[in-house]
């Protein structure tokens, strides 16, 4: 009730807004401790998993391949965009005001959009990498050169940056007149648009188009790549060969399904279910960054062997 009362103090112009209220999850106050512990556990797993994955990839020469170059960048992105969301959400579980400054909201929005869009393009690049590795293995080292891998990663970051600049500019030039209360646990496009008293039709069309331009082409790349991969794998006579090929790709496909499924629900469907949107947001803000290192390490023989070598090396030093 206190948050709602604070949030209902309208403002006449967006230039007068100095802070927002992050309402978060509409649950009983006694459940905040449980949510805090859950967020803390997941965030610690994200830190350990992704830092561990980056350490293994950077220190083991055997993992100096395009696949692990992409995977190292994926861990870096997961680590940082979850760090943009989780710490502030955990602080708000204990805070009565649940406020975030205007500048803090802009920064959180920009960084999250930057990293999440970058991850989408990076996953498409990883699908292309698997396509070349399985469908054209003899030319893999030639086609997936260091220059091409660097260009794909740099292109992913560039697309993320440009998209984030456009989305942030469109969102924070809105006149926020209705309320200061953001019905979410972080600053996101749709909850912020609900606070505006201006006509959002054109902005929603642009925002939807921008989301479609990001999500649909990358999904198409992933789907087409995996159609070719499945077709090639089914032609492999060896059962062990088929199993190894599917094992390599199934982990990547699982991560892509979670990220794009939740993202499509959030940004390509009507904004009618705010509470359900918060649950969907958890899938790509916390669940995916937590699962990525687990999936890629537990299902990956090379990573497990590299971890074993790293631990043996440390034991030898000690």
Protein backbone atom coordinates (compact mmCIF):
# COMPACT_ATOMS: atom_id res chain seq x y z
CA UNK A 1 0.00 0.00 0.00
CA UNK A 2 2.86 2.36 0.80
CA UNK A 3 4.47 1.67 -2.56
CA UNK A 4 1.17 2.16 -4.38
CA UNK A 5 0.59 5.45 -2.61
CA UNK A 6 4.07 6.67 -3.45
CA UNK A 7 3.72 5.53 -7.03
CA UNK A 8 0.40 7.28 -7.53
CA UNK A 9 1.86 10.73 -7.10
CA UNK A 10 1.60 11.79 -10.71
CA UNK A 11 4.10 13.90 -12.52
CA UNK A 12 3.24 16.30 -15.28
CA UNK A 13 6.41 15.99 -17.30
CA UNK A 14 9.13 13.39 -17.67
CA UNK A 15 11.79 16.00 -16.92
CA UNK A 16 10.44 16.30 -13.37
CA UNK A 17 10.80 12.58 -12.64
CA UNK A 18 13.77 11.99 -10.35
CA UNK A 19 13.06 8.37 -9.44
CA UNK A 20 10.72 5.43 -9.97
CA UNK A 21 9.23 2.76 -7.71
CA UNK A 22 9.90 -0.87 -8.64
CA UNK A 23 6.83 -2.71 -7.37
CA UNK A 24 8.30 -6.14 -8.05
CA UNK A 25 6.27 -9.24 -7.23
CA UNK A 26 2.82 -8.78 -5.73
CA UNK A 27 3.18 -11.26 -2.88
CA UNK A 28 2.76 -11.16 0.87
CA UNK A 29 5.61 -9.31 2.66
CA UNK A 30 6.58 -12.44 4.61
CA UNK A 31 7.46 -14.14 1.28
CA UNK A 32 10.09 -11.49 0.46
CA UNK A 33 12.67 -13.35 2.56
CA UNK A 34 12.03 -16.53 0.56
CA UNK A 35 12.30 -14.62 -2.73
CA UNK A 36 15.50 -12.95 -1.54
CA UNK A 37 17.08 -16.31 -0.67
CA UNK A 38 15.97 -17.78 -4.00
CA UNK A 39 17.40 -14.83 -5.97
CA UNK A 40 20.61 -14.99 -3.91
CA UNK A 41 21.05 -18.72 -4.53
CA UNK A 42 20.46 -18.36 -8.27
CA UNK A 43 22.76 -15.32 -8.54
CA UNK A 44 25.59 -17.09 -6.68
CA UNK A 45 25.22 -20.03 -9.08
CA UNK A 46 25.34 -17.58 -12.02
CA UNK A 47 28.54 -16.01 -10.68
CA UNK A 48 30.28 -19.30 -9.96
CA UNK A 49 29.14 -20.99 -13.16
CA UNK A 50 29.94 -18.22 -15.63
CA UNK A 51 33.18 -17.06 -14.01
CA UNK A 52 34.24 -20.70 -13.82
CA UNK A 53 33.38 -21.28 -17.48
CA UNK A 54 35.34 -18.19 -18.61
CA UNK A 55 38.32 -19.24 -16.47
CA UNK A 56 38.37 -22.74 -17.96
CA UNK A 57 38.09 -21.47 -21.54
CA UNK A 58 40.79 -18.82 -21.11
CA UNK A 59 43.31 -21.06 -19.32
CA UNK A 60 43.00 -24.29 -21.34
CA UNK A 61 44.74 -24.24 -24.78
CA UNK A 62 42.65 -27.25 -25.91
CA UNK A 63 39.54 -25.06 -25.83
CA UNK A 64 40.99 -22.49 -28.21
CA UNK A 65 38.33 -23.16 -30.86
CA UNK A 66 35.48 -21.08 -32.39
CA UNK A 67 32.84 -22.92 -30.35
CA UNK A 68 34.49 -22.03 -27.04
CA UNK A 69 35.28 -18.51 -28.19
CA UNK A 70 31.52 -18.00 -28.61
CA UNK A 71 30.80 -19.82 -25.36
CA UNK A 72 33.23 -17.61 -23.44
CA UNK A 73 31.46 -14.52 -24.75
CA UNK A 74 28.10 -16.07 -23.86
CA UNK A 75 29.26 -16.55 -20.26
CA UNK A 76 30.52 -12.95 -20.15
CA UNK A 77 27.16 -11.63 -21.38
CA UNK A 78 25.15 -13.85 -19.00
CA UNK A 79 27.26 -12.72 -16.05
CA UNK A 80 26.82 -9.03 -16.75
CA UNK A 81 23.17 -8.79 -17.74
CA UNK A 82 22.08 -10.86 -14.74
CA UNK A 83 24.22 -8.54 -12.59
CA UNK A 84 22.30 -5.57 -13.98
CA UNK A 85 19.04 -7.08 -12.63
CA UNK A 86 19.60 -9.40 -9.65
CA UNK A 87 21.43 -7.18 -7.09
CA UNK A 88 18.88 -4.35 -7.33
CA UNK A 89 15.98 -6.82 -7.12
CA UNK A 90 17.49 -8.37 -3.96
CA UNK A 91 18.00 -4.94 -2.37
CA UNK A 92 14.35 -4.07 -3.04
CA UNK A 93 13.15 -7.15 -1.16
CA UNK A 94 14.45 -5.45 2.01
CA UNK A 95 13.67 -1.86 1.03
CA UNK A 96 10.46 -0.09 2.01
CA UNK A 97 10.70 2.58 -0.68
CA UNK A 98 11.77 0.18 -3.49
CA UNK A 99 12.97 3.24 -5.42
CA UNK A 100 15.41 3.51 -8.30
CA UNK A 101 16.74 6.84 -9.55
CA UNK A 102 15.86 8.07 -13.03
CA UNK A 103 19.52 7.77 -14.07
CA UNK A 104 19.71 4.31 -12.47
CA UNK A 105 16.62 3.20 -14.37
CA UNK A 106 18.02 4.49 -17.68
CA UNK A 107 21.34 2.72 -17.03
CA UNK A 108 19.68 -0.55 -16.05
CA UNK A 109 17.39 -0.40 -19.09
CA UNK A 110 20.24 0.39 -21.50
CA UNK A 111 22.63 -2.27 -20.20
CA UNK A 112 20.01 -5.00 -20.04
CA UNK A 113 18.77 -4.26 -23.58
CA UNK A 114 22.37 -4.17 -24.81
CA UNK A 115 23.35 -7.53 -23.34
CA UNK A 116 20.10 -9.42 -24.04
CA UNK A 117 20.01 -8.40 -27.72
CA UNK A 118 23.72 -9.22 -28.05
CA UNK A 119 23.03 -12.69 -26.64
CA UNK A 120 20.27 -13.26 -29.19
CA UNK A 121 22.61 -12.54 -32.10
CA UNK A 122 25.43 -14.52 -30.47
CA UNK A 123 23.21 -17.61 -30.15
CA UNK A 124 22.43 -17.33 -33.87
CA UNK A 125 26.18 -17.19 -34.57
CA UNK A 126 26.67 -20.28 -32.40
CA UNK A 127 23.97 -22.11 -34.38
CA UNK A 128 25.80 -21.24 -37.61
CA UNK A 129 29.04 -22.51 -36.05
CA UNK A 130 27.41 -25.87 -35.22
CA UNK A 131 25.95 -26.02 -38.73
CA UNK A 132 29.41 -25.67 -40.32
CA UNK A 133 30.99 -28.09 -37.82
CA UNK A 134 28.49 -30.89 -38.48
CA UNK A 135 27.42 -30.31 -42.09
CA UNK A 136 30.79 -29.30 -43.52
CA UNK A 137 33.45 -30.55 -41.08
CA UNK A 138 36.32 -30.77 -43.58
CA UNK A 139 36.14 -27.02 -44.26
CA UNK A 140 35.31 -26.02 -40.67
CA UNK A 141 38.72 -24.57 -39.78
CA UNK A 142 38.77 -22.61 -43.04
CA UNK A 143 35.21 -21.25 -42.95
CA UNK A 144 35.14 -20.52 -39.21
CA UNK A 145 38.36 -18.52 -39.25
CA UNK A 146 39.50 -16.31 -36.39
CA UNK A 147 38.58 -13.22 -38.39
CA UNK A 148 35.04 -14.46 -39.09
CA UNK A 149 34.48 -15.43 -35.45
CA UNK A 150 35.69 -12.01 -34.30
CA UNK A 151 33.43 -10.31 -36.84
CA UNK A 152 30.39 -12.34 -35.73
CA UNK A 153 30.97 -11.50 -32.08
CA UNK A 154 31.72 -7.83 -32.81
CA UNK A 155 28.60 -7.70 -35.00
CA UNK A 156 26.50 -9.15 -32.17
CA UNK A 157 27.74 -6.48 -29.74
CA UNK A 158 27.20 -3.75 -32.35
CA UNK A 159 23.61 -4.84 -33.00
CA UNK A 160 23.00 -4.95 -29.25
CA UNK A 161 24.42 -1.45 -28.79
CA UNK A 162 22.46 0.13 -31.66
CA UNK A 163 19.21 -1.53 -30.58
CA UNK A 164 19.72 -0.49 -26.97
CA UNK A 165 20.37 3.15 -27.94
CA UNK A 166 17.19 3.25 -30.06
CA UNK A 167 15.02 1.50 -27.46
CA UNK A 168 16.35 3.60 -24.57
CA UNK A 169 15.85 6.85 -26.50
CA UNK A 170 12.27 5.96 -27.45
CA UNK A 171 11.36 4.90 -23.92
CA UNK A 172 12.87 7.69 -21.83
CA UNK A 173 11.69 10.54 -24.04
CA UNK A 174 8.12 9.60 -23.06
CA UNK A 175 6.22 11.99 -20.76
CA UNK A 176 5.70 9.99 -17.56
CA UNK A 177 2.49 11.50 -16.20
CA UNK A 178 0.41 8.63 -14.89
CA UNK A 179 2.57 7.26 -12.06
CA UNK A 180 6.07 6.58 -10.81
CA UNK A 181 5.32 2.93 -9.96
CA UNK A 182 6.84 0.44 -12.41
CA UNK A 183 4.91 -2.82 -12.19
CA UNK A 184 8.01 -4.99 -12.59
CA UNK A 185 11.18 -5.95 -10.71
CA UNK A 186 13.42 -4.04 -13.15
CA UNK A 187 13.09 -1.21 -15.69
CA UNK A 188 11.64 -2.67 -18.87
CA UNK A 189 9.91 -1.29 -21.96
CA UNK A 190 6.30 -2.28 -21.44
CA UNK A 191 6.00 -1.42 -17.71
CA UNK A 192 7.53 2.00 -18.44
CA UNK A 193 5.17 2.59 -21.38
CA UNK A 194 2.22 2.02 -19.04
CA UNK A 195 3.32 5.08 -17.05
CA UNK A 196 3.06 7.41 -20.02
CA UNK A 197 0.04 9.59 -20.66
CA UNK A 198 0.88 10.17 -24.33
CA UNK A 199 -0.41 8.28 -27.37
CA UNK A 200 1.80 5.19 -27.63
CA UNK A 201 0.44 3.74 -30.87
CA UNK A 202 3.36 4.81 -33.10
CA UNK A 203 5.96 3.97 -30.43
CA UNK A 204 4.42 0.53 -29.86
CA UNK A 205 4.50 -0.15 -33.60
CA UNK A 206 8.17 0.90 -33.76
CA UNK A 207 9.01 -1.11 -30.63
CA UNK A 208 7.22 -4.19 -31.98
CA UNK A 209 8.95 -3.82 -35.34
CA UNK A 210 12.34 -3.46 -33.63
CA UNK A 211 11.70 -6.58 -31.53
CA UNK A 212 10.57 -8.48 -34.64
CA UNK A 213 13.69 -7.43 -36.55
CA UNK A 214 15.83 -8.76 -33.70
CA UNK A 215 13.97 -11.95 -32.79
CA UNK A 216 12.62 -13.30 -36.09
CA UNK A 217 15.82 -13.27 -38.24
CA UNK A 218 17.90 -14.82 -35.46
CA UNK A 219 15.24 -17.50 -34.90
CA UNK A 220 15.21 -18.21 -38.65
CA UNK A 221 19.02 -18.63 -38.65
CA UNK A 222 18.76 -21.05 -35.72
CA UNK A 223 15.88 -23.05 -37.23
CA UNK A 224 17.44 -23.33 -40.71
CA UNK A 225 20.82 -24.28 -39.20
CA UNK A 226 19.27 -27.04 -37.11
CA UNK A 227 17.12 -28.36 -39.96
CA UNK A 228 20.34 -28.91 -41.93
CA UNK A 229 22.05 -30.34 -38.84
CA UNK A 230 19.24 -32.85 -38.17
CA UNK A 231 19.19 -33.85 -41.83
CA UNK A 232 22.95 -34.45 -41.79
CA UNK A 233 22.96 -36.29 -38.46
CA UNK A 234 20.22 -38.69 -39.59
CA UNK A 235 22.48 -39.73 -42.46
CA UNK A 236 25.23 -40.80 -40.06
CA UNK A 237 25.26 -44.61 -39.95
CA UNK A 238 27.03 -44.92 -36.62
CA UNK A 239 24.66 -44.77 -33.61
CA UNK A 240 27.49 -43.39 -31.48
CA UNK A 241 28.19 -40.69 -34.08
CA UNK A 242 24.54 -39.63 -34.16
CA UNK A 243 24.41 -39.57 -30.37
CA UNK A 244 27.54 -37.41 -30.13
CA UNK A 245 26.28 -34.94 -32.75
CA UNK A 246 22.86 -34.59 -31.12
CA UNK A 247 24.44 -34.24 -27.68
CA UNK A 248 26.61 -31.37 -28.92
CA UNK A 249 23.63 -29.48 -30.33
CA UNK A 250 20.80 -30.32 -27.94
CA UNK A 251 22.28 -28.19 -25.14
CA UNK A 252 22.50 -25.15 -27.42
CA UNK A 253 18.97 -25.75 -28.74
CA UNK A 254 17.61 -25.97 -25.19
CA UNK A 255 19.14 -22.61 -24.23
CA UNK A 256 17.83 -21.00 -27.43
CA UNK A 257 14.32 -22.34 -26.81
CA UNK A 258 14.15 -20.89 -23.28
CA UNK A 259 15.53 -17.49 -24.27
CA UNK A 260 13.53 -16.99 -27.45
CA UNK A 261 10.35 -18.53 -26.04
CA UNK A 262 10.30 -16.14 -23.09
CA UNK A 263 11.45 -13.19 -25.23
CA UNK A 264 8.73 -13.79 -27.84
CA UNK A 265 6.09 -13.96 -25.12
CA UNK A 266 7.36 -10.75 -23.56
CA UNK A 267 7.74 -8.56 -26.64
CA UNK A 268 5.68 -10.08 -29.47
CA UNK A 269 2.39 -10.73 -27.65
CA UNK A 270 -0.25 -8.30 -26.30
CA UNK A 271 0.65 -6.71 -22.96
CA UNK A 272 -2.26 -8.15 -20.96
CA UNK A 273 -0.67 -10.27 -18.25
CA UNK A 274 1.81 -8.22 -16.16
CA UNK A 275 2.32 -10.90 -13.49
CA UNK A 276 2.87 -13.63 -16.08
CA UNK A 277 5.35 -11.32 -17.83
CA UNK A 278 7.39 -11.12 -14.62
CA UNK A 279 7.63 -14.91 -14.49
CA UNK A 280 8.63 -15.02 -18.18
CA UNK A 281 11.25 -12.35 -17.48
CA UNK A 282 12.82 -14.59 -14.84
CA UNK A 283 13.48 -17.19 -17.55
CA UNK A 284 15.96 -15.01 -19.41
CA UNK A 285 17.17 -12.69 -16.63
CA UNK A 286 18.14 -15.42 -14.14
CA UNK A 287 17.23 -18.95 -15.24
CA UNK A 288 19.05 -18.93 -18.60
CA UNK A 289 22.31 -17.40 -17.22
CA UNK A 290 22.24 -20.02 -14.45
CA UNK A 291 21.56 -22.97 -16.79
CA UNK A 292 24.01 -22.06 -19.58
CA UNK A 293 27.26 -23.01 -17.78
CA UNK A 294 25.61 -26.10 -16.24
CA UNK A 295 24.28 -27.35 -19.58
CA UNK A 296 27.47 -26.66 -21.51
CA UNK A 297 29.73 -28.16 -18.86
CA UNK A 298 27.75 -31.21 -17.76
CA UNK A 299 26.95 -32.24 -21.33
CA UNK A 300 30.37 -31.38 -22.74
CA UNK A 301 33.24 -33.85 -22.49
CA UNK A 302 35.89 -31.26 -23.48
CA UNK A 303 34.85 -28.86 -20.71
CA UNK A 304 34.78 -31.61 -18.09
CA UNK A 305 38.27 -32.75 -19.09
CA UNK A 306 39.54 -29.15 -19.08
CA UNK A 307 38.10 -28.65 -15.58
CA UNK A 308 39.80 -31.85 -14.44
CA UNK A 309 43.15 -30.64 -15.82
CA UNK A 310 42.70 -27.25 -14.13
CA UNK A 311 41.95 -28.86 -10.75
CA UNK A 312 44.92 -31.25 -11.10
CA UNK A 313 47.19 -28.30 -11.92
CA UNK A 314 46.04 -26.42 -8.83
CA UNK A 315 46.54 -29.49 -6.63
CA UNK A 316 50.07 -29.89 -8.02
CA UNK A 317 50.88 -26.25 -7.19
CA UNK A 318 49.48 -26.63 -3.66
